[in-house]
Amino acid sequence: WHAGQTSPATKVNTMLSLPDWPAWALNTFIGLAAFTSCIGLLQMVRDSRDQTAGNSSGEEKPSGSTLPAFRAFQRQYLTVYAIIMMADWFQGTNMYTLYMSYGVNISALFLTGFLSGAIFAGPIGIYIDKYGRRLSCIVYLVLEIIINICEHFNNFPV
């Protein structure tokens, strides 16, 4: 290998090594990963059993005259989704630099954010189903704007 380059084997070993997280965070991650895997496995077993038994879940695939309208909706949705994901990825590097300049423990911050999302997704989903996706998206957008404005200030005295 050239000077300054690492071998592919070294990169793979680095990627496969456990992260340097606190024990509670690592245990939480392993527990949530195991729980998610079990739910996914149960879903696959249930779906395969329904297919072999000939049970229909009531979902019909678009065909005939509805297919072009569905494809147009699908393209529109995936375009918006791709733009949002790209914006989030671009924001990530900026946020990392911003938090580093504030001296924040970035790994704890991101871990807290992802764990709170995992914990509160279910209960919040109930309210989203009750009040509608449109209102939920508007509330999220307003909160995100407020949060992004707050990130430009170093200190909020209490």
N, C-alpha and C. Protein backbone atom coordinates (compact mmCIF):
# COMPACT_ATOMS: atom_id res chain seq x y z
N TRP A 1 0.83 -1.18 0.00
CA TRP A 1 0.00 0.00 0.00
C TRP A 1 0.87 1.24 0.00
N HIS A 2 0.34 2.31 -0.55
CA HIS A 2 1.08 3.56 -0.58
C HIS A 2 1.10 4.18 0.80
N ALA A 3 2.05 5.05 1.02
CA ALA A 3 2.16 5.71 2.33
C ALA A 3 0.88 6.50 2.61
N GLY A 4 0.40 6.37 3.81
CA GLY A 4 -0.80 7.10 4.23
C GLY A 4 -2.10 6.37 3.94
N GLN A 5 -2.05 5.24 3.23
CA GLN A 5 -3.27 4.50 2.93
C GLN A 5 -3.39 3.31 3.87
N THR A 6 -4.63 2.95 4.16
CA THR A 6 -4.86 1.76 4.98
C THR A 6 -5.38 0.65 4.09
N SER A 7 -5.08 -0.55 4.47
CA SER A 7 -5.52 -1.69 3.67
C SER A 7 -7.01 -1.93 3.84
N PRO A 8 -7.65 -2.56 2.86
CA PRO A 8 -9.08 -2.87 2.99
C PRO A 8 -9.37 -3.74 4.21
N ALA A 9 -8.46 -4.65 4.55
CA ALA A 9 -8.67 -5.51 5.72
C ALA A 9 -8.71 -4.69 6.99
N THR A 10 -7.86 -3.66 7.10
CA THR A 10 -7.85 -2.79 8.27
C THR A 10 -9.15 -2.01 8.36
N LYS A 11 -9.65 -1.55 7.22
CA LYS A 11 -10.91 -0.81 7.20
C LYS A 11 -12.07 -1.70 7.65
N VAL A 12 -12.09 -2.93 7.18
CA VAL A 12 -13.16 -3.86 7.56
C VAL A 12 -13.09 -4.15 9.05
N ASN A 13 -11.89 -4.40 9.58
CA ASN A 13 -11.75 -4.66 11.02
C ASN A 13 -12.20 -3.47 11.84
N THR A 14 -11.91 -2.26 11.37
CA THR A 14 -12.34 -1.07 12.09
C THR A 14 -13.86 -0.95 12.07
N MET A 15 -14.48 -1.25 10.94
CA MET A 15 -15.93 -1.15 10.83
C MET A 15 -16.63 -2.21 11.68
N LEU A 16 -16.02 -3.39 11.81
CA LEU A 16 -16.66 -4.47 12.55
C LEU A 16 -16.40 -4.41 14.05
N SER A 17 -15.48 -3.58 14.49
CA SER A 17 -15.20 -3.49 15.93
C SER A 17 -16.35 -2.75 16.62
N LEU A 18 -16.56 -3.09 17.89
CA LEU A 18 -17.64 -2.45 18.65
C LEU A 18 -17.30 -0.99 18.89
N PRO A 19 -18.30 -0.12 18.86
CA PRO A 19 -18.03 1.30 19.09
C PRO A 19 -17.61 1.53 20.54
N ASP A 20 -16.95 2.64 20.76
CA ASP A 20 -16.47 2.99 22.10
C ASP A 20 -17.58 3.76 22.83
N TRP A 21 -18.69 3.07 23.08
CA TRP A 21 -19.84 3.66 23.77
C TRP A 21 -19.82 3.25 25.23
N PRO A 22 -20.51 4.01 26.07
CA PRO A 22 -20.69 3.56 27.45
C PRO A 22 -21.47 2.24 27.47
N ALA A 23 -21.30 1.45 28.53
CA ALA A 23 -21.93 0.13 28.62
C ALA A 23 -23.44 0.22 28.48
N TRP A 24 -24.07 1.20 29.13
CA TRP A 24 -25.53 1.31 29.07
C TRP A 24 -25.99 1.57 27.64
N ALA A 25 -25.24 2.38 26.89
CA ALA A 25 -25.63 2.69 25.51
C ALA A 25 -25.47 1.48 24.61
N LEU A 26 -24.37 0.77 24.80
CA LEU A 26 -24.14 -0.43 24.00
C LEU A 26 -25.18 -1.50 24.29
N ASN A 27 -25.52 -1.69 25.57
CA ASN A 27 -26.55 -2.67 25.94
C ASN A 27 -27.92 -2.27 25.39
N THR A 28 -28.21 -0.98 25.43
CA THR A 28 -29.49 -0.50 24.88
C THR A 28 -29.55 -0.74 23.39
N PHE A 29 -28.45 -0.44 22.70
CA PHE A 29 -28.41 -0.66 21.26
C PHE A 29 -28.59 -2.14 20.92
N ILE A 30 -27.87 -3.00 21.61
CA ILE A 30 -27.97 -4.44 21.35
C ILE A 30 -29.39 -4.93 21.64
N GLY A 31 -29.98 -4.46 22.74
CA GLY A 31 -31.35 -4.85 23.08
C GLY A 31 -32.35 -4.40 22.04
N LEU A 32 -32.25 -3.14 21.58
CA LEU A 32 -33.17 -2.64 20.56
C LEU A 32 -32.96 -3.35 19.23
N ALA A 33 -31.71 -3.64 18.89
CA ALA A 33 -31.44 -4.36 17.64
C ALA A 33 -32.03 -5.77 17.69
N ALA A 34 -31.88 -6.44 18.83
CA ALA A 34 -32.45 -7.78 18.98
C ALA A 34 -33.98 -7.73 18.91
N PHE A 35 -34.58 -6.76 19.58
CA PHE A 35 -36.04 -6.61 19.58
C PHE A 35 -36.54 -6.35 18.16
N THR A 36 -35.87 -5.45 17.44
CA THR A 36 -36.27 -5.13 16.07
C THR A 36 -36.13 -6.35 15.16
N SER A 37 -35.06 -7.10 15.35
CA SER A 37 -34.85 -8.32 14.55
C SER A 37 -35.94 -9.34 14.81
N CYS A 38 -36.34 -9.50 16.07
CA CYS A 38 -37.41 -10.44 16.41
C CYS A 38 -38.73 -10.02 15.77
N ILE A 39 -39.05 -8.74 15.83
CA ILE A 39 -40.28 -8.23 15.23
C ILE A 39 -40.25 -8.47 13.71
N GLY A 40 -39.12 -8.18 13.07
CA GLY A 40 -38.99 -8.42 11.63
C GLY A 40 -39.15 -9.88 11.28
N LEU A 41 -38.55 -10.75 12.08
CA LEU A 41 -38.67 -12.19 11.84
C LEU A 41 -40.12 -12.66 12.00
N LEU A 42 -40.79 -12.19 13.04
CA LEU A 42 -42.19 -12.55 13.24
C LEU A 42 -43.06 -12.06 12.07
N GLN A 43 -42.76 -10.87 11.58
CA GLN A 43 -43.51 -10.33 10.44
C GLN A 43 -43.30 -11.20 9.20
N MET A 44 -42.06 -11.62 8.96
CA MET A 44 -41.77 -12.48 7.80
C MET A 44 -42.49 -13.81 7.92
N VAL A 45 -42.50 -14.41 9.11
CA VAL A 45 -43.17 -15.69 9.32
C VAL A 45 -44.67 -15.53 9.09
N ARG A 46 -45.24 -14.46 9.62
CA ARG A 46 -46.68 -14.23 9.46
C ARG A 46 -47.05 -14.02 8.00
N ASP A 47 -46.24 -13.23 7.29
CA ASP A 47 -46.52 -12.98 5.87
C ASP A 47 -46.40 -14.24 5.04
N SER A 48 -45.39 -15.07 5.31
CA SER A 48 -45.23 -16.29 4.54
C SER A 48 -46.37 -17.27 4.84
N ARG A 49 -46.82 -17.30 6.08
CA ARG A 49 -47.94 -18.17 6.45
C ARG A 49 -49.23 -17.71 5.77
N ASP A 50 -49.44 -16.39 5.70
CA ASP A 50 -50.62 -15.86 5.04
C ASP A 50 -50.61 -16.17 3.54
N GLN A 51 -49.43 -16.09 2.93
CA GLN A 51 -49.32 -16.37 1.49
C GLN A 51 -49.57 -17.84 1.19
N THR A 52 -49.05 -18.74 2.03
CA THR A 52 -49.25 -20.17 1.78
C THR A 52 -50.69 -20.58 2.05
N ALA A 53 -51.35 -19.89 2.99
CA ALA A 53 -52.74 -20.21 3.29
C ALA A 53 -53.70 -19.56 2.30
N GLY A 54 -53.16 -18.67 1.47
CA GLY A 54 -54.01 -18.01 0.48
C GLY A 54 -54.78 -16.85 1.06
N ASN A 55 -54.44 -16.43 2.26
CA ASN A 55 -55.13 -15.28 2.87
C ASN A 55 -54.65 -14.00 2.21
N SER A 56 -55.58 -13.13 1.96
CA SER A 56 -55.24 -11.83 1.40
C SER A 56 -55.39 -10.79 2.49
N SER A 57 -54.45 -9.88 2.58
CA SER A 57 -54.53 -8.86 3.63
C SER A 57 -55.43 -7.71 3.22
N GLY A 58 -56.11 -7.84 2.09
CA GLY A 58 -57.02 -6.79 1.64
C GLY A 58 -56.30 -5.73 0.82
N GLU A 59 -55.00 -5.86 0.65
CA GLU A 59 -54.26 -4.89 -0.12
C GLU A 59 -54.22 -5.34 -1.58
N GLU A 60 -54.62 -4.46 -2.44
CA GLU A 60 -54.58 -4.76 -3.86
C GLU A 60 -53.47 -3.97 -4.50
N LYS A 61 -52.75 -4.60 -5.41
CA LYS A 61 -51.70 -3.90 -6.12
C LYS A 61 -52.34 -3.10 -7.24
N PRO A 62 -51.82 -1.90 -7.48
CA PRO A 62 -52.40 -1.09 -8.56
C PRO A 62 -52.17 -1.76 -9.91
N SER A 63 -53.19 -1.73 -10.73
CA SER A 63 -53.09 -2.30 -12.07
C SER A 63 -54.08 -1.59 -12.97
N GLY A 64 -53.96 -1.86 -14.23
CA GLY A 64 -54.90 -1.30 -15.19
C GLY A 64 -54.85 0.21 -15.23
N SER A 65 -56.02 0.83 -15.11
CA SER A 65 -56.11 2.28 -15.23
C SER A 65 -55.53 3.01 -14.03
N THR A 66 -55.41 2.36 -12.88
CA THR A 66 -54.86 3.03 -11.69
C THR A 66 -53.34 3.02 -11.66
N LEU A 67 -52.71 2.19 -12.47
CA LEU A 67 -51.25 2.07 -12.43
C LEU A 67 -50.53 3.37 -12.81
N PRO A 68 -50.90 4.08 -13.89
CA PRO A 68 -50.19 5.33 -14.21
C PRO A 68 -50.31 6.38 -13.11
N ALA A 69 -51.47 6.49 -12.49
CA ALA A 69 -51.63 7.46 -11.40
C ALA A 69 -50.77 7.08 -10.20
N PHE A 70 -50.72 5.79 -9.92
CA PHE A 70 -49.88 5.33 -8.81
C PHE A 70 -48.41 5.59 -9.10
N ARG A 71 -47.97 5.31 -10.32
CA ARG A 71 -46.57 5.53 -10.68
C ARG A 71 -46.21 7.02 -10.58
N ALA A 72 -47.13 7.90 -10.98
CA ALA A 72 -46.88 9.34 -10.88
C ALA A 72 -46.75 9.75 -9.41
N PHE A 73 -47.65 9.24 -8.58
CA PHE A 73 -47.56 9.51 -7.14
C PHE A 73 -46.25 8.98 -6.57
N GLN A 74 -45.86 7.79 -6.98
CA GLN A 74 -44.64 7.16 -6.49
C GLN A 74 -43.41 8.00 -6.86
N ARG A 75 -43.35 8.48 -8.10
CA ARG A 75 -42.22 9.32 -8.53
C ARG A 75 -42.18 10.62 -7.74
N GLN A 76 -43.35 11.23 -7.52
CA GLN A 76 -43.41 12.48 -6.77
C GLN A 76 -42.95 12.26 -5.33
N TYR A 77 -43.42 11.20 -4.71
CA TYR A 77 -43.05 10.89 -3.33
C TYR A 77 -41.56 10.63 -3.21
N LEU A 78 -41.01 9.80 -4.10
CA LEU A 78 -39.60 9.45 -4.02
C LEU A 78 -38.70 10.65 -4.32
N THR A 79 -39.14 11.55 -5.18
CA THR A 79 -38.38 12.76 -5.45
C THR A 79 -38.29 13.63 -4.20
N VAL A 80 -39.41 13.88 -3.56
CA VAL A 80 -39.42 14.68 -2.33
C VAL A 80 -38.62 13.99 -1.24
N TYR A 81 -38.78 12.68 -1.10
CA TYR A 81 -38.05 11.92 -0.09
C TYR A 81 -36.54 12.02 -0.32
N ALA A 82 -36.10 11.90 -1.57
CA ALA A 82 -34.68 11.97 -1.87
C ALA A 82 -34.12 13.36 -1.56
N ILE A 83 -34.88 14.40 -1.86
CA ILE A 83 -34.44 15.77 -1.56
C ILE A 83 -34.31 15.98 -0.05
N ILE A 84 -35.28 15.50 0.71
CA ILE A 84 -35.25 15.65 2.16
C ILE A 84 -34.07 14.89 2.75
N MET A 85 -33.86 13.67 2.30
CA MET A 85 -32.74 12.87 2.82
C MET A 85 -31.40 13.51 2.47
N MET A 86 -31.27 14.03 1.26
CA MET A 86 -30.03 14.68 0.86
C MET A 86 -29.79 15.93 1.71
N ALA A 87 -30.84 16.70 1.96
CA ALA A 87 -30.70 17.89 2.81
C ALA A 87 -30.28 17.51 4.22
N ASP A 88 -30.84 16.43 4.74
CA ASP A 88 -30.47 15.97 6.08
C ASP A 88 -29.01 15.53 6.12
N TRP A 89 -28.56 14.84 5.08
CA TRP A 89 -27.16 14.40 5.04
C TRP A 89 -26.22 15.60 4.94
N PHE A 90 -26.58 16.60 4.13
CA PHE A 90 -25.75 17.79 4.02
C PHE A 90 -25.70 18.54 5.34
N GLN A 91 -26.82 18.56 6.03
CA GLN A 91 -26.89 19.26 7.31
C GLN A 91 -26.02 18.57 8.36
N GLY A 92 -25.85 17.25 8.25
CA GLY A 92 -25.10 16.49 9.25
C GLY A 92 -23.68 16.98 9.43
N THR A 93 -22.98 17.23 8.33
CA THR A 93 -21.60 17.70 8.45
C THR A 93 -21.54 19.09 9.07
N ASN A 94 -22.49 19.94 8.72
CA ASN A 94 -22.54 21.28 9.28
C ASN A 94 -22.82 21.21 10.78
N MET A 95 -23.75 20.34 11.17
CA MET A 95 -24.11 20.23 12.58
C MET A 95 -22.93 19.67 13.39
N TYR A 96 -22.21 18.73 12.81
CA TYR A 96 -21.05 18.16 13.50
C TYR A 96 -20.03 19.25 13.80
N THR A 97 -19.74 20.08 12.80
CA THR A 97 -18.79 21.18 12.98
C THR A 97 -19.31 22.18 14.01
N LEU A 98 -20.59 22.50 13.94
CA LEU A 98 -21.19 23.45 14.88
C LEU A 98 -21.09 22.93 16.31
N TYR A 99 -21.47 21.68 16.52
CA TYR A 99 -21.42 21.12 17.87
C TYR A 99 -19.98 20.99 18.38
N MET A 100 -19.05 20.69 17.50
CA MET A 100 -17.64 20.64 17.90
C MET A 100 -17.17 22.01 18.39
N SER A 101 -17.62 23.06 17.70
CA SER A 101 -17.21 24.41 18.10
C SER A 101 -17.80 24.79 19.45
N TYR A 102 -18.94 24.20 19.82
CA TYR A 102 -19.55 24.47 21.12
C TYR A 102 -18.96 23.58 22.22
N GLY A 103 -18.15 22.59 21.84
CA GLY A 103 -17.57 21.69 22.83
C GLY A 103 -18.56 20.68 23.37
N VAL A 104 -19.51 20.29 22.56
CA VAL A 104 -20.56 19.35 22.97
C VAL A 104 -20.08 17.92 22.74
N ASN A 105 -20.47 16.99 23.62
CA ASN A 105 -20.20 15.58 23.41
C ASN A 105 -21.15 15.09 22.32
N ILE A 106 -20.65 15.02 21.11
CA ILE A 106 -21.48 14.76 19.94
C ILE A 106 -22.07 13.36 19.97
N SER A 107 -21.30 12.37 20.38
CA SER A 107 -21.83 11.01 20.38
C SER A 107 -22.99 10.87 21.36
N ALA A 108 -22.89 11.50 22.52
CA ALA A 108 -23.99 11.45 23.49
C ALA A 108 -25.21 12.20 22.95
N LEU A 109 -24.97 13.29 22.25
CA LEU A 109 -26.07 14.07 21.69
C LEU A 109 -26.84 13.26 20.64
N PHE A 110 -26.11 12.66 19.70
CA PHE A 110 -26.77 11.89 18.65
C PHE A 110 -27.41 10.63 19.22
N LEU A 111 -26.76 9.99 20.17
CA LEU A 111 -27.32 8.80 20.80
C LEU A 111 -28.62 9.14 21.52
N THR A 112 -28.63 10.26 22.21
CA THR A 112 -29.85 10.71 22.89
C THR A 112 -30.97 10.96 21.88
N GLY A 113 -30.62 11.58 20.77
CA GLY A 113 -31.63 11.86 19.75
C GLY A 113 -32.22 10.60 19.15
N PHE A 114 -31.37 9.64 18.81
CA PHE A 114 -31.86 8.40 18.20
C PHE A 114 -32.64 7.55 19.20
N LEU A 115 -32.18 7.50 20.45
CA LEU A 115 -32.91 6.72 21.45
C LEU A 115 -34.25 7.36 21.78
N SER A 116 -34.30 8.68 21.85
CA SER A 116 -35.59 9.32 22.12
C SER A 116 -36.55 9.07 20.95
N GLY A 117 -36.03 9.05 19.73
CA GLY A 117 -36.86 8.71 18.58
C GLY A 117 -37.40 7.29 18.67
N ALA A 118 -36.54 6.37 19.11
CA ALA A 118 -36.97 4.97 19.24
C ALA A 118 -38.02 4.82 20.33
N ILE A 119 -37.87 5.56 21.41
CA ILE A 119 -38.79 5.43 22.54
C ILE A 119 -40.13 6.12 22.26
N PHE A 120 -40.09 7.30 21.67
CA PHE A 120 -41.31 8.09 21.52
C PHE A 120 -42.02 7.90 20.18
N ALA A 121 -41.45 7.14 19.25
CA ALA A 121 -42.08 6.97 17.94
C ALA A 121 -43.46 6.33 18.05
N GLY A 122 -43.58 5.32 18.87
CA GLY A 122 -44.88 4.64 19.03
C GLY A 122 -45.96 5.54 19.60
N PRO A 123 -45.71 6.14 20.78
CA PRO A 123 -46.74 7.02 21.35
C PRO A 123 -47.08 8.21 20.46
N ILE A 124 -46.08 8.80 19.82
CA ILE A 124 -46.35 9.94 18.94
C ILE A 124 -47.15 9.48 17.72
N GLY A 125 -46.87 8.27 17.26
CA GLY A 125 -47.59 7.72 16.11
C GLY A 125 -49.09 7.64 16.34
N ILE A 126 -49.48 7.37 17.58
CA ILE A 126 -50.90 7.32 17.91
C ILE A 126 -51.56 8.68 17.66
N TYR A 127 -50.87 9.74 18.09
CA TYR A 127 -51.43 11.09 17.87
C TYR A 127 -51.40 11.48 16.40
N ILE A 128 -50.38 11.02 15.68
CA ILE A 128 -50.33 11.30 14.25
C ILE A 128 -51.51 10.65 13.54
N ASP A 129 -51.81 9.40 13.92
CA ASP A 129 -52.97 8.73 13.34
C ASP A 129 -54.27 9.42 13.72
N LYS A 130 -54.33 9.95 14.93
CA LYS A 130 -55.56 10.61 15.40
C LYS A 130 -55.80 11.95 14.71
N TYR A 131 -54.75 12.78 14.60
CA TYR A 131 -54.92 14.14 14.08
C TYR A 131 -54.54 14.30 12.62
N GLY A 132 -53.95 13.28 12.02
CA GLY A 132 -53.66 13.34 10.59
C GLY A 132 -52.20 13.63 10.28
N ARG A 133 -51.79 13.11 9.15
CA ARG A 133 -50.40 13.27 8.72
C ARG A 133 -50.08 14.71 8.32
N ARG A 134 -51.03 15.37 7.70
CA ARG A 134 -50.78 16.74 7.24
C ARG A 134 -50.49 17.66 8.41
N LEU A 135 -51.33 17.64 9.43
CA LEU A 135 -51.12 18.48 10.60
C LEU A 135 -49.81 18.10 11.30
N SER A 136 -49.52 16.82 11.36
CA SER A 136 -48.28 16.37 12.00
C SER A 136 -47.06 16.88 11.26
N CYS A 137 -47.11 16.86 9.94
CA CYS A 137 -45.99 17.38 9.14
C CYS A 137 -45.82 18.88 9.34
N ILE A 138 -46.92 19.60 9.43
CA ILE A 138 -46.84 21.04 9.66
C ILE A 138 -46.25 21.34 11.04
N VAL A 139 -46.69 20.62 12.06
CA VAL A 139 -46.14 20.79 13.41
C VAL A 139 -44.65 20.48 13.41
N TYR A 140 -44.27 19.40 12.76
CA TYR A 140 -42.84 19.04 12.68
C TYR A 140 -42.05 20.13 11.98
N LEU A 141 -42.57 20.65 10.89
CA LEU A 141 -41.88 21.69 10.14
C LEU A 141 -41.67 22.94 10.99
N VAL A 142 -42.71 23.37 11.71
CA VAL A 142 -42.60 24.55 12.58
C VAL A 142 -41.56 24.31 13.68
N LEU A 143 -41.61 23.13 14.32
CA LEU A 143 -40.63 22.82 15.36
C LEU A 143 -39.21 22.78 14.80
N GLU A 144 -39.04 22.22 13.61
CA GLU A 144 -37.72 22.15 13.00
C GLU A 144 -37.18 23.53 12.68
N ILE A 145 -38.03 24.43 12.22
CA ILE A 145 -37.60 25.80 11.94
C ILE A 145 -37.15 26.48 13.23
N ILE A 146 -37.92 26.32 14.29
CA ILE A 146 -37.55 26.91 15.59
C ILE A 146 -36.22 26.35 16.08
N ILE A 147 -36.05 25.04 15.97
CA ILE A 147 -34.80 24.40 16.41
C ILE A 147 -33.62 24.92 15.59
N ASN A 148 -33.78 25.03 14.27
CA ASN A 148 -32.68 25.51 13.43
C ASN A 148 -32.33 26.96 13.72
N ILE A 149 -33.32 27.77 14.05
CA ILE A 149 -33.04 29.16 14.43
C ILE A 149 -32.28 29.19 15.75
N CYS A 150 -32.68 28.36 16.70
CA CYS A 150 -32.02 28.32 18.01
C CYS A 150 -30.56 27.87 17.91
N GLU A 151 -30.23 27.08 16.91
CA GLU A 151 -28.86 26.59 16.77
C GLU A 151 -27.86 27.68 16.42
N HIS A 152 -28.34 28.85 16.03
CA HIS A 152 -27.45 29.94 15.67
C HIS A 152 -27.07 30.82 16.86
N PHE A 153 -27.56 30.47 18.04
CA PHE A 153 -27.24 31.21 19.25
C PHE A 153 -26.43 30.34 20.19
N ASN A 154 -25.37 30.90 20.74
CA ASN A 154 -24.48 30.13 21.61
C ASN A 154 -25.07 29.86 22.98
N ASN A 155 -25.91 30.75 23.47
CA ASN A 155 -26.32 30.67 24.87
C ASN A 155 -27.74 31.16 25.03
N PHE A 156 -28.51 30.43 25.82
CA PHE A 156 -29.85 30.89 26.19
C PHE A 156 -29.90 30.95 27.70
N PRO A 157 -29.76 32.12 28.29
CA PRO A 157 -29.80 32.21 29.76
C PRO A 157 -31.19 31.85 30.27
N VAL A 158 -31.22 31.15 31.37
CA VAL A 158 -32.50 30.73 31.95
C VAL A 158 -32.87 31.63 33.08
